[in-house]
Amino acid sequence: MKFLLLASFLIVLCCISAVAQTNENLPCPTILIYGPMGFPKSDEPITYNVSVGENVEKYDIKYVWTVSGGEIIEGQGTSVIKTTWKNPKSSFVATVKNEGLPEHCDNIRSEVVNYDPAPEPIKFAEFSLPMTDKGKNHKLLETLQDDPSTQLFVIFYFKKNSSQKSIGQKIQEVENYLINENKIDKERITKVKAFTEKQEFVQFWLVTSGVMPPVPEKH
């Protein structure tokens, strides 16, 4: 009888030991978090999902999400969430804790989206038309000389009923100001015509390499 009790105790002990050893030695699954491709728009929901790899079926996983810089709008407790980004001019962090994995496994993953706006053209100056003598603009010349890749976009806003003669004269005045008075290379100047219902004017835009040129505004 004692022998049977001892044998039963040893079997139970071995089973407990085996289970404990198995839990400790189980390989940790690969955890990956996926966010948006590219820079998300502020008015669109952002989707994040987490993938838990091998041996995931062995665990009862609970997904606990937190976000910084935004708000979870759906999916808490699941492997996929949708969020909003409150301030696109600040960073955004999505973090998921995968509860239910062995204690020795790292169960937290995060993804950060940093504010990285695309470069934009810079409006340098704006003058009414006809353009009277504004004198030399050394700052404009220096800016163009500092970066040989920078182009000068000149957007003219004319009234719809303006004659071609009037338009031509005003363009010539601006060209004289840029090329003759400020010594700007004409090859670095791009002229664009647009129309307005208000007072006619001209804008000077600096556009560096790789930057989309300005688009005429509606006036």
Foldseek 3Di string as FASTA:
>chain_A
DVVVVVVVVVVVVVVVVVVVVCQVPPDAWDKDKDWDDDQDDQVDKIKMFMDTDPPPVVWDWWKAKDKDQWAWPDDGRHRMTIIGHNDLQAKMKMKIATPTHRPVDDGMDMDMDGNDDDDAKAWDDKFFPLDDQPAEDQVVLVVCVVAVQKAKEKEKEAAPPDDPVRVVVSVVSVCCRCCVRHVDDPVRYHYHYHYAPDTIMMIIIIDGPPHDHDDDDYD
